[in-house]
Protein backbone atom coordinates (compact mmCIF):
# COMPACT_ATOMS: atom_id res chain seq x y z
CA UNK A 1 -21.21 -279.49 31.80
CA UNK A 2 -23.22 -276.64 31.69
CA UNK A 3 -24.68 -276.83 35.08
CA UNK A 4 -20.75 -276.82 36.58
CA UNK A 5 -19.56 -274.01 34.15
CA UNK A 6 -23.10 -272.29 35.17
CA UNK A 7 -22.08 -272.56 38.45
CA UNK A 8 -19.01 -271.55 38.37
CA UNK A 9 -19.60 -268.51 35.91
CA UNK A 10 -21.97 -267.63 39.26
CA UNK A 11 -19.62 -267.52 41.56
CA UNK A 12 -17.37 -265.81 39.78
CA UNK A 13 -19.37 -263.20 38.82
CA UNK A 14 -20.42 -262.84 43.07
CA UNK A 15 -16.55 -262.40 44.25
CA UNK A 16 -15.67 -259.79 41.31
CA UNK A 17 -18.74 -258.15 42.74
CA UNK A 18 -17.84 -258.31 45.67
CA UNK A 19 -14.23 -257.25 45.36
CA UNK A 20 -15.22 -254.10 43.17
CA UNK A 21 -17.55 -253.65 45.60
CA UNK A 22 -14.39 -252.79 48.63
CA UNK A 23 -12.10 -252.07 45.70
CA UNK A 24 -14.43 -249.14 45.12
CA UNK A 25 -16.00 -248.02 49.74
CA UNK A 26 -12.10 -248.04 50.18
CA UNK A 27 -11.05 -245.90 47.56
CA UNK A 28 -13.69 -242.74 48.07
CA UNK A 29 -13.16 -241.36 51.78
CA UNK A 30 -14.75 -238.95 52.93
CA UNK A 31 -14.94 -234.84 52.97
CA UNK A 32 -13.59 -234.31 55.94
CA UNK A 33 -11.34 -237.45 55.84
CA UNK A 34 -10.05 -235.71 52.65
CA UNK A 35 -9.69 -232.25 54.65
CA UNK A 36 -8.28 -234.13 57.34
CA UNK A 37 -5.90 -235.83 55.22
CA UNK A 38 -4.70 -232.14 54.36
CA UNK A 39 -4.76 -230.54 57.84
CA UNK A 40 -2.79 -233.26 58.96
CA UNK A 41 -0.08 -232.61 56.85
CA UNK A 42 -0.26 -229.00 56.87
CA UNK A 43 0.61 -229.00 60.42
CA UNK A 44 3.29 -231.85 59.79
CA UNK A 45 4.98 -229.97 57.25
CA UNK A 46 6.01 -227.43 61.08
CA UNK A 47 6.31 -225.00 57.99
CA UNK A 48 3.70 -221.84 58.51
CA UNK A 49 3.27 -220.71 54.73
CA UNK A 50 1.76 -224.46 54.75
CA UNK A 51 0.07 -223.97 57.93
CA UNK A 52 -1.75 -220.30 56.74
CA UNK A 53 -1.73 -221.87 52.84
CA UNK A 54 -4.18 -225.07 55.03
CA UNK A 55 -5.82 -221.84 56.25
CA UNK A 56 -6.63 -219.62 54.06
CA UNK A 57 -7.97 -222.49 51.79
CA UNK A 58 -9.90 -225.00 54.09
CA UNK A 59 -11.85 -222.96 56.82
CA UNK A 60 -13.69 -220.36 56.78
CA UNK A 61 -12.53 -217.27 57.30
CA UNK A 62 -15.07 -216.06 60.74
CA UNK A 63 -11.76 -216.38 62.66
CA UNK A 64 -8.41 -214.28 60.59
CA UNK A 65 -6.15 -216.00 59.75
CA UNK A 66 -3.64 -215.63 61.98
CA UNK A 67 -5.12 -216.34 64.87
CA UNK A 68 -6.12 -219.04 64.25
CA UNK A 69 -2.67 -220.08 63.39
CA UNK A 70 -1.40 -219.09 66.88
CA UNK A 71 -4.50 -220.86 68.32
CA UNK A 72 -2.69 -224.55 66.84
CA UNK A 73 -0.31 -223.59 68.53
CA UNK A 74 -1.23 -226.36 71.90
CA UNK A 75 -1.09 -228.95 68.62
CA UNK A 76 1.63 -227.06 66.60
CA UNK A 77 3.66 -228.48 69.50
CA UNK A 78 2.20 -232.34 69.14
CA UNK A 79 2.96 -232.82 65.63
CA UNK A 80 4.20 -235.02 64.09
CA UNK A 81 0.81 -236.35 64.27
CA UNK A 82 -1.55 -238.86 62.69
CA UNK A 83 -5.12 -239.36 62.19
CA UNK A 84 -6.51 -243.02 64.24
CA UNK A 85 -9.39 -242.69 63.66
CA UNK A 86 -12.48 -240.96 62.45
CA UNK A 87 -14.82 -241.55 64.89
CA UNK A 88 -18.49 -240.12 63.54
CA UNK A 89 -19.14 -237.29 60.97
CA UNK A 90 -22.03 -235.49 59.96
CA UNK A 91 -21.76 -232.25 57.09
CA UNK A 92 -21.86 -230.66 60.26
CA UNK A 93 -18.62 -232.37 62.44
CA UNK A 94 -16.84 -235.10 63.00
CA UNK A 95 -14.91 -236.89 66.06
CA UNK A 96 -11.33 -237.82 65.57
CA UNK A 97 -8.25 -239.49 67.13
CA UNK A 98 -5.32 -238.89 65.80
CA UNK A 99 -1.95 -239.97 67.90
CA UNK A 100 1.59 -237.78 68.78
CA UNK A 101 3.80 -240.64 69.76
CA UNK A 102 2.38 -241.75 72.72
CA UNK A 103 -0.76 -239.63 72.96
CA UNK A 104 -3.72 -239.71 71.77
CA UNK A 105 -5.62 -236.72 71.12
CA UNK A 106 -9.36 -236.97 70.21
CA UNK A 107 -10.86 -233.84 68.54
CA UNK A 108 -14.14 -232.22 67.30
CA UNK A 109 -14.45 -230.71 63.71
CA UNK A 110 -16.66 -228.15 62.91
CA UNK A 111 -17.35 -228.36 59.45
CA UNK A 112 -19.56 -225.88 57.00
CA UNK A 113 -19.39 -226.58 53.24
CA UNK A 114 -16.57 -228.34 52.76
CA UNK A 115 -14.70 -226.12 55.52
CA UNK A 116 -13.09 -226.48 58.69
CA UNK A 117 -15.61 -224.32 61.48
CA UNK A 118 -14.08 -225.21 64.96
CA UNK A 119 -11.72 -227.12 66.31
CA UNK A 120 -12.00 -228.59 70.31
CA UNK A 121 -11.18 -231.65 72.48
CA UNK A 122 -12.55 -233.92 72.89
CA UNK A 123 -12.31 -234.92 76.25
CA UNK A 124 -8.32 -234.73 77.97
CA UNK A 125 -5.51 -236.05 75.73
CA UNK A 126 -4.32 -239.81 76.65
CA UNK A 127 -0.88 -240.93 77.36
CA UNK A 128 -0.11 -244.44 79.24
CA UNK A 129 1.81 -244.00 81.95
CA UNK A 130 5.14 -242.43 82.87
CA UNK A 131 4.49 -240.47 79.19
CA UNK A 132 5.18 -237.60 79.56
CA UNK A 133 2.14 -234.37 78.59
CA UNK A 134 4.09 -231.15 77.01
CA UNK A 135 1.97 -228.03 76.52
CA UNK A 136 2.30 -224.24 75.23
CA UNK A 137 0.15 -222.11 76.52
CA UNK A 138 -0.55 -220.99 72.75
CA UNK A 139 -4.06 -220.31 72.70
CA UNK A 140 -7.24 -222.48 72.40
CA UNK A 141 -8.44 -224.40 69.45
CA UNK A 142 -9.91 -222.56 66.80
């Protein structure tokens, strides 16, 4: 009986460790994931004040805030957007897949010191056959 209790105790500890470890991994999003979450929330708000607040708090100052806001016009045309996947992440950047309705966009997001430095398309926008992709002539991706 003692042997059976010992084996059951070991199994219980092993299961508890697996659940605890998995929970810890899920509970700690990466710095890039947190940055993208704030970015998407700001864009999806459709409010200039919210987007400018994100730019001023979460972007570097190499590009003036108003210019960055104007440069994001093509992205703002596609809200609501959601992050589908962060494909890769390093301290200096990440590759991200975004989705807006049937349209999938891949971006390379530059980062420095936890701040967004630039956005660059990482390939063309993709949509299922028959879906229409529309963008403004608003500018680049900074």
